[in-house]
mmCIF file of all heavy atoms, coordinates in Angstrom:
data_MODEL
# 
_entry.id   MODEL 
# 
loop_
_atom_site.group_PDB 
_atom_site.id 
_atom_site.type_symbol 
_atom_site.label_atom_id 
_atom_site.label_alt_id 
_atom_site.label_comp_id 
_atom_site.label_asym_id 
_atom_site.label_entity_id 
_atom_site.label_seq_id 
_atom_site.pdbx_PDB_ins_code 
_atom_site.Cartn_x 
_atom_site.Cartn_y 
_atom_site.Cartn_z 
_atom_site.occupancy 
_atom_site.B_iso_or_equiv 
_atom_site.pdbx_formal_charge 
_atom_site.auth_seq_id 
_atom_site.auth_comp_id 
_atom_site.auth_asym_id 
_atom_site.auth_atom_id 
_atom_site.pdbx_PDB_model_num 
ATOM 1   N N   . LEU A 1 1  ? 4.401  -104.500 33.376 1.00 0.00 ? 1  LEU A N   1 
ATOM 2   C CA  . LEU A 1 1  ? 3.194  -103.717 33.188 1.00 0.00 ? 1  LEU A CA  1 
ATOM 3   C C   . LEU A 1 1  ? 3.007  -102.635 34.236 1.00 0.00 ? 1  LEU A C   1 
ATOM 4   O O   . LEU A 1 1  ? 2.613  -101.478 33.961 1.00 0.00 ? 1  LEU A O   1 
ATOM 5   C CB  . LEU A 1 1  ? 1.958  -104.631 33.138 1.00 0.00 ? 1  LEU A CB  1 
ATOM 6   C CG  . LEU A 1 1  ? 1.905  -105.639 32.014 1.00 0.00 ? 1  LEU A CG  1 
ATOM 7   C CD1 . LEU A 1 1  ? 0.725  -106.583 32.228 1.00 0.00 ? 1  LEU A CD1 1 
ATOM 8   C CD2 . LEU A 1 1  ? 1.737  -104.937 30.662 1.00 0.00 ? 1  LEU A CD2 1 
ATOM 9   N N   . THR A 1 2  ? 3.331  -103.012 35.486 1.00 0.00 ? 2  THR A N   1 
ATOM 10  C CA  . THR A 1 2  ? 3.205  -102.043 36.587 1.00 0.00 ? 2  THR A CA  1 
ATOM 11  C C   . THR A 1 2  ? 4.148  -100.874 36.367 1.00 0.00 ? 2  THR A C   1 
ATOM 12  O O   . THR A 1 2  ? 3.767  -99.709  36.647 1.00 0.00 ? 2  THR A O   1 
ATOM 13  C CB  . THR A 1 2  ? 3.459  -102.755 37.883 1.00 0.00 ? 2  THR A CB  1 
ATOM 14  O OG1 . THR A 1 2  ? 2.516  -103.798 38.111 1.00 0.00 ? 2  THR A OG1 1 
ATOM 15  C CG2 . THR A 1 2  ? 3.385  -101.770 39.069 1.00 0.00 ? 2  THR A CG2 1 
ATOM 16  N N   . ALA A 1 3  ? 5.353  -101.150 35.916 1.00 0.00 ? 3  ALA A N   1 
ATOM 17  C CA  . ALA A 1 3  ? 6.316  -100.080 35.683 1.00 0.00 ? 3  ALA A CA  1 
ATOM 18  C C   . ALA A 1 3  ? 5.745  -99.100  34.619 1.00 0.00 ? 3  ALA A C   1 
ATOM 19  O O   . ALA A 1 3  ? 5.907  -97.879  34.763 1.00 0.00 ? 3  ALA A O   1 
ATOM 20  C CB  . ALA A 1 3  ? 7.634  -100.636 35.240 1.00 0.00 ? 3  ALA A CB  1 
ATOM 21  N N   . VAL A 1 4  ? 5.104  -99.627  33.589 1.00 0.00 ? 4  VAL A N   1 
ATOM 22  C CA  . VAL A 1 4  ? 4.487  -98.737  32.575 1.00 0.00 ? 4  VAL A CA  1 
ATOM 23  C C   . VAL A 1 4  ? 3.391  -97.913  33.169 1.00 0.00 ? 4  VAL A C   1 
ATOM 24  O O   . VAL A 1 4  ? 3.278  -96.737  32.964 1.00 0.00 ? 4  VAL A O   1 
ATOM 25  C CB  . VAL A 1 4  ? 3.992  -99.583  31.404 1.00 0.00 ? 4  VAL A CB  1 
ATOM 26  C CG1 . VAL A 1 4  ? 3.221  -98.691  30.392 1.00 0.00 ? 4  VAL A CG1 1 
ATOM 27  C CG2 . VAL A 1 4  ? 5.116  -100.311 30.669 1.00 0.00 ? 4  VAL A CG2 1 
ATOM 28  N N   . LYS A 1 5  ? 2.511  -98.592  33.948 1.00 0.00 ? 5  LYS A N   1 
ATOM 29  C CA  . LYS A 1 5  ? 1.354  -97.880  34.501 1.00 0.00 ? 5  LYS A CA  1 
ATOM 30  C C   . LYS A 1 5  ? 1.788  -96.786  35.491 1.00 0.00 ? 5  LYS A C   1 
ATOM 31  O O   . LYS A 1 5  ? 1.183  -95.696  35.519 1.00 0.00 ? 5  LYS A O   1 
ATOM 32  C CB  . LYS A 1 5  ? 0.430  -98.886  35.204 1.00 0.00 ? 5  LYS A CB  1 
ATOM 33  C CG  . LYS A 1 5  ? -0.878 -98.222  35.705 1.00 0.00 ? 5  LYS A CG  1 
ATOM 34  C CD  . LYS A 1 5  ? -1.811 -99.253  36.273 1.00 0.00 ? 5  LYS A CD  1 
ATOM 35  C CE  . LYS A 1 5  ? -3.158 -98.578  36.625 1.00 0.00 ? 5  LYS A CE  1 
ATOM 36  N NZ  . LYS A 1 5  ? -3.015 -97.511  37.593 1.00 0.00 ? 5  LYS A NZ  1 
ATOM 37  N N   . VAL A 1 6  ? 2.772  -97.076  36.321 1.00 0.00 ? 6  VAL A N   1 
ATOM 38  C CA  . VAL A 1 6  ? 3.227  -96.083  37.270 1.00 0.00 ? 6  VAL A CA  1 
ATOM 39  C C   . VAL A 1 6  ? 3.730  -94.815  36.527 1.00 0.00 ? 6  VAL A C   1 
ATOM 40  O O   . VAL A 1 6  ? 3.400  -93.688  36.894 1.00 0.00 ? 6  VAL A O   1 
ATOM 41  C CB  . VAL A 1 6  ? 4.377  -96.648  38.137 1.00 0.00 ? 6  VAL A CB  1 
ATOM 42  C CG1 . VAL A 1 6  ? 5.071  -95.535  38.935 1.00 0.00 ? 6  VAL A CG1 1 
ATOM 43  C CG2 . VAL A 1 6  ? 3.770  -97.663  39.137 1.00 0.00 ? 6  VAL A CG2 1 
ATOM 44  N N   . TRP A 1 7  ? 4.526  -95.048  35.485 1.00 0.00 ? 7  TRP A N   1 
ATOM 45  C CA  . TRP A 1 7  ? 5.016  -93.880  34.736 1.00 0.00 ? 7  TRP A CA  1 
ATOM 46  C C   . TRP A 1 7  ? 3.871  -93.160  34.034 1.00 0.00 ? 7  TRP A C   1 
ATOM 47  O O   . TRP A 1 7  ? 3.777  -91.919  34.035 1.00 0.00 ? 7  TRP A O   1 
ATOM 48  C CB  . TRP A 1 7  ? 6.049  -94.317  33.692 1.00 0.00 ? 7  TRP A CB  1 
ATOM 49  C CG  . TRP A 1 7  ? 6.655  -93.136  32.988 1.00 0.00 ? 7  TRP A CG  1 
ATOM 50  C CD1 . TRP A 1 7  ? 7.784  -92.448  33.369 1.00 0.00 ? 7  TRP A CD1 1 
ATOM 51  C CD2 . TRP A 1 7  ? 6.213  -92.504  31.806 1.00 0.00 ? 7  TRP A CD2 1 
ATOM 52  N NE1 . TRP A 1 7  ? 8.023  -91.415  32.491 1.00 0.00 ? 7  TRP A NE1 1 
ATOM 53  C CE2 . TRP A 1 7  ? 7.074  -91.428  31.499 1.00 0.00 ? 7  TRP A CE2 1 
ATOM 54  C CE3 . TRP A 1 7  ? 5.138  -92.739  30.934 1.00 0.00 ? 7  TRP A CE3 1 
ATOM 55  C CZ2 . TRP A 1 7  ? 6.881  -90.593  30.403 1.00 0.00 ? 7  TRP A CZ2 1 
ATOM 56  C CZ3 . TRP A 1 7  ? 4.941  -91.915  29.836 1.00 0.00 ? 7  TRP A CZ3 1 
ATOM 57  C CH2 . TRP A 1 7  ? 5.831  -90.889  29.547 1.00 0.00 ? 7  TRP A CH2 1 
ATOM 58  N N   . SER A 1 8  ? 2.946  -93.916  33.428 1.00 0.00 ? 8  SER A N   1 
ATOM 59  C CA  . SER A 1 8  ? 1.810  -93.340  32.737 1.00 0.00 ? 8  SER A CA  1 
ATOM 60  C C   . SER A 1 8  ? 0.946  -92.505  33.658 1.00 0.00 ? 8  SER A C   1 
ATOM 61  O O   . SER A 1 8  ? 0.516  -91.384  33.345 1.00 0.00 ? 8  SER A O   1 
ATOM 62  C CB  . SER A 1 8  ? 0.983  -94.438  32.060 1.00 0.00 ? 8  SER A CB  1 
ATOM 63  O OG  . SER A 1 8  ? -0.125 -93.865  31.377 1.00 0.00 ? 8  SER A OG  1 
ATOM 64  N N   . ASP A 1 9  ? 0.695  -93.028  34.870 1.00 0.00 ? 9  ASP A N   1 
ATOM 65  C CA  . ASP A 1 9  ? -0.143 -92.331  35.838 1.00 0.00 ? 9  ASP A CA  1 
ATOM 66  C C   . ASP A 1 9  ? 0.498  -90.993  36.275 1.00 0.00 ? 9  ASP A C   1 
ATOM 67  O O   . ASP A 1 9  ? -0.186 -90.053  36.653 1.00 0.00 ? 9  ASP A O   1 
ATOM 68  C CB  . ASP A 1 9  ? -0.376 -93.182  37.064 1.00 0.00 ? 9  ASP A CB  1 
ATOM 69  C CG  . ASP A 1 9  ? -1.325 -94.340  36.790 1.00 0.00 ? 9  ASP A CG  1 
ATOM 70  O OD1 . ASP A 1 9  ? -2.025 -94.306  35.752 1.00 0.00 ? 9  ASP A OD1 1 
ATOM 71  O OD2 . ASP A 1 9  ? -1.429 -95.271  37.622 1.00 0.00 ? 9  ASP A OD2 1 
ATOM 72  N N   . ALA A 1 10 ? 1.826  -90.930  36.221 1.00 0.00 ? 10 ALA A N   1 
ATOM 73  C CA  . ALA A 1 10 ? 2.515  -89.722  36.625 1.00 0.00 ? 10 ALA A CA  1 
ATOM 74  C C   . ALA A 1 10 ? 2.726  -88.758  35.453 1.00 0.00 ? 10 ALA A C   1 
ATOM 75  O O   . ALA A 1 10 ? 3.150  -87.616  35.649 1.00 0.00 ? 10 ALA A O   1 
ATOM 76  C CB  . ALA A 1 10 ? 3.887  -90.073  37.221 1.00 0.00 ? 10 ALA A CB  1 
ATOM 77  N N   . ASN A 1 11 ? 2.388  -89.193  34.232 1.00 0.00 ? 11 ASN A N   1 
ATOM 78  C CA  . ASN A 1 11 ? 2.614  -88.380  33.039 1.00 0.00 ? 11 ASN A CA  1 
ATOM 79  C C   . ASN A 1 11 ? 1.389  -88.503  32.142 1.00 0.00 ? 11 ASN A C   1 
ATOM 80  O O   . ASN A 1 11 ? 1.440  -89.069  31.076 1.00 0.00 ? 11 ASN A O   1 
ATOM 81  C CB  . ASN A 1 11 ? 3.868  -88.832  32.317 1.00 0.00 ? 11 ASN A CB  1 
ATOM 82  C CG  . ASN A 1 11 ? 5.122  -88.678  33.111 1.00 0.00 ? 11 ASN A CG  1 
ATOM 83  O OD1 . ASN A 1 11 ? 5.791  -87.652  33.057 1.00 0.00 ? 11 ASN A OD1 1 
ATOM 84  N ND2 . ASN A 1 11 ? 5.497  -89.708  33.868 1.00 0.00 ? 11 ASN A ND2 1 
ATOM 85  N N   . THR A 1 12 ? 0.274  -87.963  32.613 1.00 0.00 ? 12 THR A N   1 
ATOM 86  C CA  . THR A 1 12 ? -1.025 -88.263  32.048 1.00 0.00 ? 12 THR A CA  1 
ATOM 87  C C   . THR A 1 12 ? -1.286 -87.652  30.668 1.00 0.00 ? 12 THR A C   1 
ATOM 88  O O   . THR A 1 12 ? -2.279 -88.002  30.033 1.00 0.00 ? 12 THR A O   1 
ATOM 89  C CB  . THR A 1 12 ? -2.153 -87.797  33.004 1.00 0.00 ? 12 THR A CB  1 
ATOM 90  O OG1 . THR A 1 12 ? -1.983 -86.384  33.269 1.00 0.00 ? 12 THR A OG1 1 
ATOM 91  C CG2 . THR A 1 12 ? -2.065 -88.579  34.289 1.00 0.00 ? 12 THR A CG2 1 
ATOM 92  N N   . THR A 1 13 ? -0.431 -86.748  30.196 1.00 0.00 ? 13 THR A N   1 
ATOM 93  C CA  . THR A 1 13 ? -0.656 -86.179  28.873 1.00 0.00 ? 13 THR A CA  1 
ATOM 94  C C   . THR A 1 13 ? 0.174  -86.871  27.787 1.00 0.00 ? 13 THR A C   1 
ATOM 95  O O   . THR A 1 13 ? 0.144  -86.440  26.617 1.00 0.00 ? 13 THR A O   1 
ATOM 96  C CB  . THR A 1 13 ? -0.246 -84.678  28.880 1.00 0.00 ? 13 THR A CB  1 
ATOM 97  O OG1 . THR A 1 13 ? 1.115  -84.542  29.238 1.00 0.00 ? 13 THR A OG1 1 
ATOM 98  C CG2 . THR A 1 13 ? -1.133 -83.924  29.862 1.00 0.00 ? 13 THR A CG2 1 
ATOM 99  N N   . HIS A 1 14 ? 0.910  -87.965  28.124 1.00 0.00 ? 14 HIS A N   1 
ATOM 100 C CA  . HIS A 1 14 ? 1.736  -88.584  27.118 1.00 0.00 ? 14 HIS A CA  1 
ATOM 101 C C   . HIS A 1 14 ? 0.896  -89.170  25.993 1.00 0.00 ? 14 HIS A C   1 
ATOM 102 O O   . HIS A 1 14 ? -0.226 -89.583  26.146 1.00 0.00 ? 14 HIS A O   1 
ATOM 103 C CB  . HIS A 1 14 ? 2.622  -89.699  27.756 1.00 0.00 ? 14 HIS A CB  1 
ATOM 104 C CG  . HIS A 1 14 ? 1.840  -90.907  28.207 1.00 0.00 ? 14 HIS A CG  1 
ATOM 105 N ND1 . HIS A 1 14 ? 1.433  -91.908  27.346 1.00 0.00 ? 14 HIS A ND1 1 
ATOM 106 C CD2 . HIS A 1 14 ? 1.368  -91.303  29.434 1.00 0.00 ? 14 HIS A CD2 1 
ATOM 107 C CE1 . HIS A 1 14 ? 0.804  -92.864  27.966 1.00 0.00 ? 14 HIS A CE1 1 
ATOM 108 N NE2 . HIS A 1 14 ? 0.739  -92.512  29.250 1.00 0.00 ? 14 HIS A NE2 1 
ATOM 109 N N   . ILE A 1 15 ? 1.475  -89.156  24.775 1.00 0.00 ? 15 ILE A N   1 
ATOM 110 C CA  . ILE A 1 15 ? 0.815  -89.833  23.662 1.00 0.00 ? 15 ILE A CA  1 
ATOM 111 C C   . ILE A 1 15 ? 0.825  -91.343  23.997 1.00 0.00 ? 15 ILE A C   1 
ATOM 112 O O   . ILE A 1 15 ? 1.661  -91.824  24.770 1.00 0.00 ? 15 ILE A O   1 
ATOM 113 C CB  . ILE A 1 15 ? 1.537  -89.588  22.356 1.00 0.00 ? 15 ILE A CB  1 
ATOM 114 C CG1 . ILE A 1 15 ? 2.968  -90.072  22.353 1.00 0.00 ? 15 ILE A CG1 1 
ATOM 115 C CG2 . ILE A 1 15 ? 1.460  -88.094  21.979 1.00 0.00 ? 15 ILE A CG2 1 
ATOM 116 C CD1 . ILE A 1 15 ? 3.575  -90.099  20.991 1.00 0.00 ? 15 ILE A CD1 1 
ATOM 117 N N   . PRO A 1 16 ? -0.088 -92.109  23.433 1.00 0.00 ? 16 PRO A N   1 
ATOM 118 C CA  . PRO A 1 16 ? -0.213 -93.537  23.810 1.00 0.00 ? 16 PRO A CA  1 
ATOM 119 C C   . PRO A 1 16 ? 1.057  -94.306  23.531 1.00 0.00 ? 16 PRO A C   1 
ATOM 120 O O   . PRO A 1 16 ? 1.730  -94.104  22.501 1.00 0.00 ? 16 PRO A O   1 
ATOM 121 C CB  . PRO A 1 16 ? -1.368 -94.030  22.940 1.00 0.00 ? 16 PRO A CB  1 
ATOM 122 C CG  . PRO A 1 16 ? -1.535 -93.042  21.884 1.00 0.00 ? 16 PRO A CG  1 
ATOM 123 C CD  . PRO A 1 16 ? -1.112 -91.700  22.418 1.00 0.00 ? 16 PRO A CD  1 
ATOM 124 N N   . ILE A 1 17 ? 1.352  -95.178  24.441 1.00 0.00 ? 17 ILE A N   1 
ATOM 125 C CA  . ILE A 1 17 ? 2.500  -96.056  24.314 1.00 0.00 ? 17 ILE A CA  1 
ATOM 126 C C   . ILE A 1 17 ? 2.064  -97.391  23.782 1.00 0.00 ? 17 ILE A C   1 
ATOM 127 O O   . ILE A 1 17 ? 1.096  -98.040  24.292 1.00 0.00 ? 17 ILE A O   1 
ATOM 128 C CB  . ILE A 1 17 ? 3.174  -96.237  25.690 1.00 0.00 ? 17 ILE A CB  1 
ATOM 129 C CG1 . ILE A 1 17 ? 3.767  -94.905  26.160 1.00 0.00 ? 17 ILE A CG1 1 
ATOM 130 C CG2 . ILE A 1 17 ? 4.304  -97.296  25.603 1.00 0.00 ? 17 ILE A CG2 1 
ATOM 131 C CD1 . ILE A 1 17 ? 4.229  -94.906  27.615 1.00 0.00 ? 17 ILE A CD1 1 
ATOM 132 N N   . PHE A 1 18 ? 2.714  -97.874  22.730 1.00 0.00 ? 18 PHE A N   1 
ATOM 133 C CA  . PHE A 1 18 ? 2.369  -99.158  22.152 1.00 0.00 ? 18 PHE A CA  1 
ATOM 134 C C   . PHE A 1 18 ? 3.308  -100.240 22.680 1.00 0.00 ? 18 PHE A C   1 
ATOM 135 O O   . PHE A 1 18 ? 4.523  -100.081 22.688 1.00 0.00 ? 18 PHE A O   1 
ATOM 136 C CB  . PHE A 1 18 ? 2.507  -99.101  20.598 1.00 0.00 ? 18 PHE A CB  1 
ATOM 137 C CG  . PHE A 1 18 ? 2.083  -100.368 19.917 1.00 0.00 ? 18 PHE A CG  1 
ATOM 138 C CD1 . PHE A 1 18 ? 0.738  -100.736 19.951 1.00 0.00 ? 18 PHE A CD1 1 
ATOM 139 C CD2 . PHE A 1 18 ? 2.967  -101.182 19.223 1.00 0.00 ? 18 PHE A CD2 1 
ATOM 140 C CE1 . PHE A 1 18 ? 0.308  -101.895 19.284 1.00 0.00 ? 18 PHE A CE1 1 
ATOM 141 C CE2 . PHE A 1 18 ? 2.567  -102.304 18.541 1.00 0.00 ? 18 PHE A CE2 1 
ATOM 142 C CZ  . PHE A 1 18 ? 1.222  -102.659 18.579 1.00 0.00 ? 18 PHE A CZ  1 
ATOM 143 N N   . ILE A 1 19 ? 2.724  -101.300 23.212 1.00 0.00 ? 19 ILE A N   1 
ATOM 144 C CA  . ILE A 1 19 ? 3.460  -102.365 23.889 1.00 0.00 ? 19 ILE A CA  1 
ATOM 145 C C   . ILE A 1 19 ? 3.341  -103.625 23.111 1.00 0.00 ? 19 ILE A C   1 
ATOM 146 O O   . ILE A 1 19 ? 2.255  -104.210 23.040 1.00 0.00 ? 19 ILE A O   1 
ATOM 147 C CB  . ILE A 1 19 ? 2.975  -102.545 25.339 1.00 0.00 ? 19 ILE A CB  1 
ATOM 148 C CG1 . ILE A 1 19 ? 3.084  -101.208 26.132 1.00 0.00 ? 19 ILE A CG1 1 
ATOM 149 C CG2 . ILE A 1 19 ? 3.777  -103.637 26.042 1.00 0.00 ? 19 ILE A CG2 1 
ATOM 150 C CD1 . ILE A 1 19 ? 2.407  -101.239 27.495 1.00 0.00 ? 19 ILE A CD1 1 
ATOM 151 N N   . LEU A 1 20 ? 4.428  -104.079 22.504 1.00 0.00 ? 20 LEU A N   1 
ATOM 152 C CA  . LEU A 1 20 ? 4.424  -105.298 21.721 1.00 0.00 ? 20 LEU A CA  1 
ATOM 153 C C   . LEU A 1 20 ? 4.823  -106.430 22.641 1.00 0.00 ? 20 LEU A C   1 
ATOM 154 O O   . LEU A 1 20 ? 5.850  -106.377 23.353 1.00 0.00 ? 20 LEU A O   1 
ATOM 155 C CB  . LEU A 1 20 ? 5.448  -105.150 20.582 1.00 0.00 ? 20 LEU A CB  1 
ATOM 156 C CG  . LEU A 1 20 ? 5.409  -106.136 19.453 1.00 0.00 ? 20 LEU A CG  1 
ATOM 157 C CD1 . LEU A 1 20 ? 4.040  -106.107 18.742 1.00 0.00 ? 20 LEU A CD1 1 
ATOM 158 C CD2 . LEU A 1 20 ? 6.517  -105.798 18.441 1.00 0.00 ? 20 LEU A CD2 1 
ATOM 159 N N   . VAL A 1 21 ? 3.987  -107.513 22.646 1.00 0.00 ? 21 VAL A N   1 
ATOM 160 C CA  . VAL A 1 21 ? 4.215  -108.647 23.517 1.00 0.00 ? 21 VAL A CA  1 
ATOM 161 C C   . VAL A 1 21 ? 4.504  -109.865 22.657 1.00 0.00 ? 21 VAL A C   1 
ATOM 162 O O   . VAL A 1 21 ? 3.728  -110.211 21.779 1.00 0.00 ? 21 VAL A O   1 
ATOM 163 C CB  . VAL A 1 21 ? 2.995  -108.899 24.390 1.00 0.00 ? 21 VAL A CB  1 
ATOM 164 C CG1 . VAL A 1 21 ? 3.224  -110.114 25.309 1.00 0.00 ? 21 VAL A CG1 1 
ATOM 165 C CG2 . VAL A 1 21 ? 2.620  -107.699 25.204 1.00 0.00 ? 21 VAL A CG2 1 
ATOM 166 N N   . GLU A 1 22 ? 5.624  -110.525 22.933 1.00 0.00 ? 22 GLU A N   1 
ATOM 167 C CA  . GLU A 1 22 ? 5.962  -111.752 22.231 1.00 0.00 ? 22 GLU A CA  1 
ATOM 168 C C   . GLU A 1 22 ? 5.814  -112.945 23.179 1.00 0.00 ? 22 GLU A C   1 
ATOM 169 O O   . GLU A 1 22 ? 6.416  -112.984 24.245 1.00 0.00 ? 22 GLU A O   1 
ATOM 170 C CB  . GLU A 1 22 ? 7.370  -111.729 21.641 1.00 0.00 ? 22 GLU A CB  1 
ATOM 171 C CG  . GLU A 1 22 ? 7.704  -113.030 20.909 1.00 0.00 ? 22 GLU A CG  1 
ATOM 172 C CD  . GLU A 1 22 ? 9.010  -112.999 20.195 1.00 0.00 ? 22 GLU A CD  1 
ATOM 173 O OE1 . GLU A 1 22 ? 9.731  -111.997 20.284 1.00 0.00 ? 22 GLU A OE1 1 
ATOM 174 O OE2 . GLU A 1 22 ? 9.369  -114.056 19.579 1.00 0.00 ? 22 GLU A OE2 1 
ATOM 175 N N   . ALA A 1 23 ? 5.010  -113.901 22.791 1.00 0.00 ? 23 ALA A N   1 
ATOM 176 C CA  . ALA A 1 23 ? 4.878  -115.150 23.534 1.00 0.00 ? 23 ALA A CA  1 
ATOM 177 C C   . ALA A 1 23 ? 5.984  -116.099 23.097 1.00 0.00 ? 23 ALA A C   1 
ATOM 178 O O   . ALA A 1 23 ? 5.981  -116.617 21.980 1.00 0.00 ? 23 ALA A O   1 
ATOM 179 C CB  . ALA A 1 23 ? 3.494  -115.770 23.290 1.00 0.00 ? 23 ALA A CB  1 
ATOM 180 N N   . LYS A 1 24 ? 6.972  -116.311 23.969 1.00 0.00 ? 24 LYS A N   1 
ATOM 181 C CA  . LYS A 1 24 ? 8.196  -117.022 23.567 1.00 0.00 ? 24 LYS A CA  1 
ATOM 182 C C   . LYS A 1 24 ? 8.130  -118.506 24.028 1.00 0.00 ? 24 LYS A C   1 
ATOM 183 O O   . LYS A 1 24 ? 7.657  -118.765 25.128 1.00 0.00 ? 24 LYS A O   1 
ATOM 184 C CB  . LYS A 1 24 ? 9.449  -116.346 24.130 1.00 0.00 ? 24 LYS A CB  1 
ATOM 185 C CG  . LYS A 1 24 ? 9.655  -114.937 23.566 1.00 0.00 ? 24 LYS A CG  1 
ATOM 186 C CD  . LYS A 1 24 ? 11.059 -114.462 23.717 1.00 0.00 ? 24 LYS A CD  1 
ATOM 187 C CE  . LYS A 1 24 ? 11.998 -115.238 22.789 1.00 0.00 ? 24 LYS A CE  1 
ATOM 188 N NZ  . LYS A 1 24 ? 13.383 -114.641 22.799 1.00 0.00 ? 24 LYS A NZ  1 
ATOM 189 N N   . GLU A 1 25 ? 8.665  -119.318 23.187 1.00 0.00 ? 25 GLU A N   1 
ATOM 190 C CA  . GLU A 1 25 ? 8.702  -120.775 23.496 1.00 0.00 ? 25 GLU A CA  1 
ATOM 191 C C   . GLU A 1 25 ? 10.082 -121.385 23.307 1.00 0.00 ? 25 GLU A C   1 
ATOM 192 O O   . GLU A 1 25 ? 10.287 -122.566 23.521 1.00 0.00 ? 25 GLU A O   1 
ATOM 193 C CB  . GLU A 1 25 ? 7.707  -121.521 22.558 1.00 0.00 ? 25 GLU A CB  1 
ATOM 194 C CG  . GLU A 1 25 ? 6.290  -121.024 22.675 1.00 0.00 ? 25 GLU A CG  1 
ATOM 195 C CD  . GLU A 1 25 ? 5.366  -121.759 21.707 1.00 0.00 ? 25 GLU A CD  1 
ATOM 196 O OE1 . GLU A 1 25 ? 5.824  -122.122 20.585 1.00 0.00 ? 25 GLU A OE1 1 
ATOM 197 O OE2 . GLU A 1 25 ? 4.154  -121.917 22.020 1.00 0.00 ? 25 GLU A OE2 1 
ATOM 198 N N   . GLY A 1 26 ? 11.059 -120.553 22.876 1.00 0.00 ? 26 GLY A N   1 
ATOM 199 C CA  . GLY A 1 26 ? 12.367 -121.073 22.528 1.00 0.00 ? 26 GLY A CA  1 
ATOM 200 C C   . GLY A 1 26 ? 13.363 -121.094 23.671 1.00 0.00 ? 26 GLY A C   1 
ATOM 201 O O   . GLY A 1 26 ? 13.279 -120.252 24.600 1.00 0.00 ? 26 GLY A O   1 
# 
């Protein structure tokens, strides 16, 4: 998440990034 935020903060005009999260148990 921090890696995404650092990039986003440096590129403030980007279109929204969708982050798909999978809760894994296998």
